[in-house]
Amino acid sequence: MNSGQRVLVFGASSAICSELLKLLASSEGYFYLVARDSFKLAVQVADLEVRGGTIAGHESYDFNQWELHEAVVGRAVESLGQIDIVIIAHGSLPDQSDCESSPAAMRACIEDNFTSAAMIIQCCAGALAVQGSGTLLALSSVAGDRGRKSNYAYGSAKSGIDALMQGLRARFTGSSVEIVNIKPGMIETPMTAHMPSGALWSTPEAIAPQLLRAIEKGGGVYYVPGYWRFIMLIIRSLPNAIMARLPI
């Protein structure tokens, strides 16, 4: 990783993103940090400065206020001079039963995990297109690979992000803009704290180096940890009749 990379981050206080930023800070990165929670953002700012990072700017707001995204990206470009890396790592994990019984919960799930992220991704892609270079990394999920009865609301939103990132890779083919889609499996974070962990689970600390390597490699789809690529290959290949019987 080159030193002094200029990084714009949405969802800067998320557990996975925090670990990735620690690695980037050790290379004397410059950061423009954006998050929803102002208190957690302040903690993140202080931590990265201690680790050697330079904070060019930071701000917090509700990412569902889509009309604010373009101005935020504009301020980031102005503060950083250029953007080498964009990281988009925000979302929520609602209860599937709530989404089934409450239209408001279903709408919140889609807005948190698709609409707001898609609008941010589009604004950032536009900024990278103007400067003609840069890497855009977004966190999706293995849940987007196939609709499952246990989390199809969340999975459908992540599937939308996958399609968006696939289209952006096609859009920027032949250019110096790289589109990186990260698909984590089961990761121990505050968002999944209510779920029982098991042998297939990993941690933000364990997968952060894999995200860094994905940035270095460039555009593509990366499952983290890597064994989830094979797990999801099996799940995608199962007949619908068998999937309907599985408790997943």
Foldseek 3Di string as FASTA:
>chain_A
DAAAAEEEEEQCLFFLNLLLLLVNLLSQYEYEYEYADPVSVVVSVVVSVVSRYHYLYYDHHDLLVLVCLLVSVVVSCVSRVAHAEYEYEWAAADFLVCVVVDVVSLVRRLSRQAVSSLSNQVSVLVRCVVVFAHEYEYEAALLLLDQASRGNSNNVRSVNVVVSLVVSCVVQPPTRYFYEYEHEYAEDTPRCVVPDDDDPYYYSNVCSVVVVVSRVVTHDYAYVPRCVVVVSVVVNPDDPVVRNPDPD
